[in-house]
C-alpha atoms as a PDB file:
ATOM      1  CA  MET A   1      21.451  14.118  41.691  1.00  0.00           C
ATOM      2  CA  ASP A   2      19.415  12.305  39.085  1.00  0.00           C
ATOM      3  CA  LEU A   3      20.289  11.648  35.242  1.00  0.00           C
ATOM      4  CA  LYS A   4      18.407  14.559  34.066  1.00  0.00           C
ATOM      5  CA  GLN A   5      20.317  16.908  36.163  1.00  0.00           C
ATOM      6  CA  LEU A   6      23.711  15.297  35.140  1.00  0.00           C
ATOM      7  CA  TYR A   7      22.688  15.649  31.518  1.00  0.00           C
ATOM      8  CA  GLU A   8      21.706  19.186  31.944  1.00  0.00           C
ATOM      9  CA  MET A   9      25.003  19.989  33.388  1.00  0.00           C
ATOM     10  CA  GLY A  10      26.899  18.585  30.389  1.00  0.00           C
ATOM     11  CA  GLY A  11      28.068  15.583  32.227  1.00  0.00           C
ATOM     12  CA  ASP A  12      29.713  12.751  30.221  1.00  0.00           C
ATOM     13  CA  VAL A  13      27.409  10.012  31.617  1.00  0.00           C
ATOM     14  CA  HIS A  14      27.600   6.045  30.716  1.00  0.00           C
ATOM     15  CA  VAL A  15      24.966   3.689  31.812  1.00  0.00           C
ATOM     16  CA  THR A  16      25.355   0.112  31.917  1.00  0.00           C
ATOM     17  CA  VAL A  17      22.142  -1.876  31.940  1.00  0.00           C
ATOM     18  CA  ARG A  18      21.816  -5.621  32.287  1.00  0.00           C
ATOM     19  CA  LEU A  19      19.773  -7.198  29.267  1.00  0.00           C
ATOM     20  CA  GLU A  20      17.245  -8.810  31.739  1.00  0.00           C
ATOM     21  CA  ASP A  21      16.659  -5.393  33.291  1.00  0.00           C
ATOM     22  CA  LEU A  22      16.223  -3.875  29.773  1.00  0.00           C
ATOM     23  CA  ARG A  23      13.645  -6.637  28.941  1.00  0.00           C
ATOM     24  CA  GLN A  24      11.672  -6.005  32.343  1.00  0.00           C
ATOM     25  CA  TRP A  25      11.679  -2.186  31.614  1.00  0.00           C
ATOM     26  CA  HIS A  26      10.244  -3.010  28.085  1.00  0.00           C
ATOM     27  CA  ARG A  27       7.508  -5.253  29.501  1.00  0.00           C
ATOM     28  CA  GLU A  28       6.499  -2.664  31.973  1.00  0.00           C
ATOM     29  CA  LEU A  29       6.470   0.200  29.504  1.00  0.00           C
ATOM     30  CA  THR A  30       4.479  -1.857  26.968  1.00  0.00           C
ATOM     31  CA  ALA A  31       2.173  -2.875  29.738  1.00  0.00           C
ATOM     32  CA  ALA A  32       1.519   0.727  30.597  1.00  0.00           C
ATOM     33  CA  VAL A  33       0.803   2.113  27.039  1.00  0.00           C
ATOM     34  CA  PRO A  34      -2.492   1.565  25.703  1.00  0.00           C
ATOM     35  CA  SER A  35      -2.692  -0.927  22.626  1.00  0.00           C
ATOM     36  CA  PRO A  36      -1.903   0.592  19.161  1.00  0.00           C
ATOM     37  CA  LEU A  37      -4.697   2.405  17.468  1.00  0.00           C
ATOM     38  CA  VAL A  38      -6.559   0.187  15.006  1.00  0.00           C
ATOM     39  CA  SER A  39      -6.143   1.401  11.290  1.00  0.00           C
ATOM     40  CA  PRO A  40      -9.080   3.410  10.170  1.00  0.00           C
ATOM     41  CA  ALA A  41     -11.488   1.378   7.919  1.00  0.00           C
ATOM     42  CA  LEU A  42     -11.392   1.845   4.255  1.00  0.00           C
ATOM     43  CA  PRO A  43     -14.201   3.698   2.646  1.00  0.00           C
ATOM     44  CA  GLN A  44     -17.052   1.661   1.695  1.00  0.00           C
ATOM     45  CA  THR A  45     -16.489   2.629  -2.077  1.00  0.00           C
ATOM     46  CA  GLY A  46     -13.667  -0.153  -2.038  1.00  0.00           C
ATOM     47  CA  GLU A  47      -9.899  -0.034  -2.254  1.00  0.00           C
ATOM     48  CA  LEU A  48      -7.576   2.825  -2.424  1.00  0.00           C
ATOM     49  CA  TYR A  49      -4.608   3.746  -4.681  1.00  0.00           C
ATOM     50  CA  THR A  50      -1.484   5.577  -3.434  1.00  0.00           C
ATOM     51  CA  ARG A  51      -0.585   8.841  -5.065  1.00  0.00           C
ATOM     52  CA  LYS A  52       2.303   6.998  -6.988  1.00  0.00           C
ATOM     53  CA  GLN A  53      -0.142   4.295  -8.142  1.00  0.00           C
ATOM     54  CA  THR A  54      -2.654   6.943  -9.286  1.00  0.00           C
ATOM     55  CA  ILE A  55       0.076   9.026 -11.170  1.00  0.00           C
ATOM     56  CA  ALA A  56       1.474   5.888 -12.896  1.00  0.00           C
ATOM     57  CA  LEU A  57      -2.261   4.421 -13.766  1.00  0.00           C
ATOM     58  CA  LEU A  58      -3.341   7.704 -15.295  1.00  0.00           C
ATOM     59  CA  GLY A  59      -0.219   8.452 -16.930  1.00  0.00           C
ATOM     60  CA  ILE A  60      -0.056  12.097 -15.322  1.00  0.00           C
ATOM     61  CA  ASP A  61       2.411  14.385 -13.555  1.00  0.00           C
ATOM     62  CA  SER A  62       1.879  14.905  -9.882  1.00  0.00           C
ATOM     63  CA  SER A  63       1.048  18.662 -10.519  1.00  0.00           C
ATOM     64  CA  THR A  64      -1.892  17.315 -12.665  1.00  0.00           C
ATOM     65  CA  LEU A  65      -3.055  15.199  -9.768  1.00  0.00           C
ATOM     66  CA  TRP A  66      -2.704  18.139  -7.464  1.00  0.00           C
ATOM     67  CA  ARG A  67      -4.584  20.312  -9.751  1.00  0.00           C
ATOM     68  CA  TRP A  68      -7.483  17.796 -10.117  1.00  0.00           C
ATOM     69  CA  ALA A  69      -7.522  17.441  -6.261  1.00  0.00           C
ATOM     70  CA  LYS A  70      -7.817  21.309  -5.951  1.00  0.00           C
ATOM     71  CA  SER A  71     -10.459  21.344  -8.741  1.00  0.00           C
ATOM     72  CA  GLY A  72     -12.511  18.552  -7.215  1.00  0.00           C
ATOM     73  CA  TYR A  73     -12.123  16.325 -10.424  1.00  0.00           C
ATOM     74  CA  LEU A  74     -10.326  13.462  -8.408  1.00  0.00           C
ATOM     75  CA  VAL A  75     -10.924  14.005  -4.764  1.00  0.00           C
ATOM     76  CA  PRO A  76      -8.317  12.314  -2.411  1.00  0.00           C
ATOM     77  CA  VAL A  77      -9.288  10.566   0.745  1.00  0.00           C
ATOM     78  CA  GLU A  78      -7.299  11.033   3.999  1.00  0.00           C
ATOM     79  CA  TYR A  79      -6.175   7.624   4.990  1.00  0.00           C
ATOM     80  CA  GLY A  80      -3.494   7.133   7.734  1.00  0.00           C
ATOM     81  CA  GLY A  81      -2.223  10.750   7.394  1.00  0.00           C
ATOM     82  CA  GLN A  82      -1.837  10.164   3.766  1.00  0.00           C
ATOM     83  CA  ARG A  83      -3.836  11.063   0.498  1.00  0.00           C
ATOM     84  CA  ARG A  84      -5.129   8.145  -1.168  1.00  0.00           C
ATOM     85  CA  TYR A  85      -7.611   7.821  -4.288  1.00  0.00           C
ATOM     86  CA  ARG A  86     -10.532   5.689  -4.701  1.00  0.00           C
ATOM     87  CA  VAL A  87     -10.117   2.817  -7.215  1.00  0.00           C
ATOM     88  CA  ALA A  88     -13.613   3.522  -8.675  1.00  0.00           C
ATOM     89  CA  ASP A  89     -12.833   7.211  -9.059  1.00  0.00           C
ATOM     90  CA  VAL A  90      -9.661   6.286 -10.954  1.00  0.00           C
ATOM     91  CA  GLN A  91     -11.325   3.698 -13.046  1.00  0.00           C
ATOM     92  CA  GLN A  92     -13.993   6.225 -13.903  1.00  0.00           C
ATOM     93  CA  ILE A  93     -11.405   8.552 -15.325  1.00  0.00           C
ATOM     94  CA  LEU A  94      -9.627   5.832 -17.244  1.00  0.00           C
ATOM     95  CA  LYS A  95     -12.904   4.967 -18.887  1.00  0.00           C
ATOM     96  CA  GLY A  96     -13.177   8.465 -20.040  1.00  0.00           C
ATOM     97  CA  GLY A  97     -15.844   9.702 -17.774  1.00  0.00           C
ATOM     98  CA  ARG A  98     -15.398  12.607 -15.407  1.00  0.00           C
ATOM     99  CA  HIS A  99     -15.699  12.048 -11.789  1.00  0.00           C
ATOM    100  CA  ASP A 100     -18.560  14.139 -10.390  1.00  0.00           C
ATOM    101  CA  ARG A 101     -18.811  14.594  -6.467  1.00  0.00           C
END
């Protein structure tokens, strides 16, 4: 009977592992897994602000930022699974110019 079967049966299982065995398992596991993905490169337009940074700089509410994104006034960039905003776009709005895309 293996550990999975014991677990499925609801058995109260305790496992003792020596530290060196755990280290060896870690080495084997990390050797088997491909190296971490490289973060996507920043857009060529420059750096990006987070949502919180953008809200603070523009002095707006998060609902305004959402509305601007929906209307295309300030288009977010997907970066690392999060929405970011181009520094140049935010600076243009701060200068009073509307961002056109």
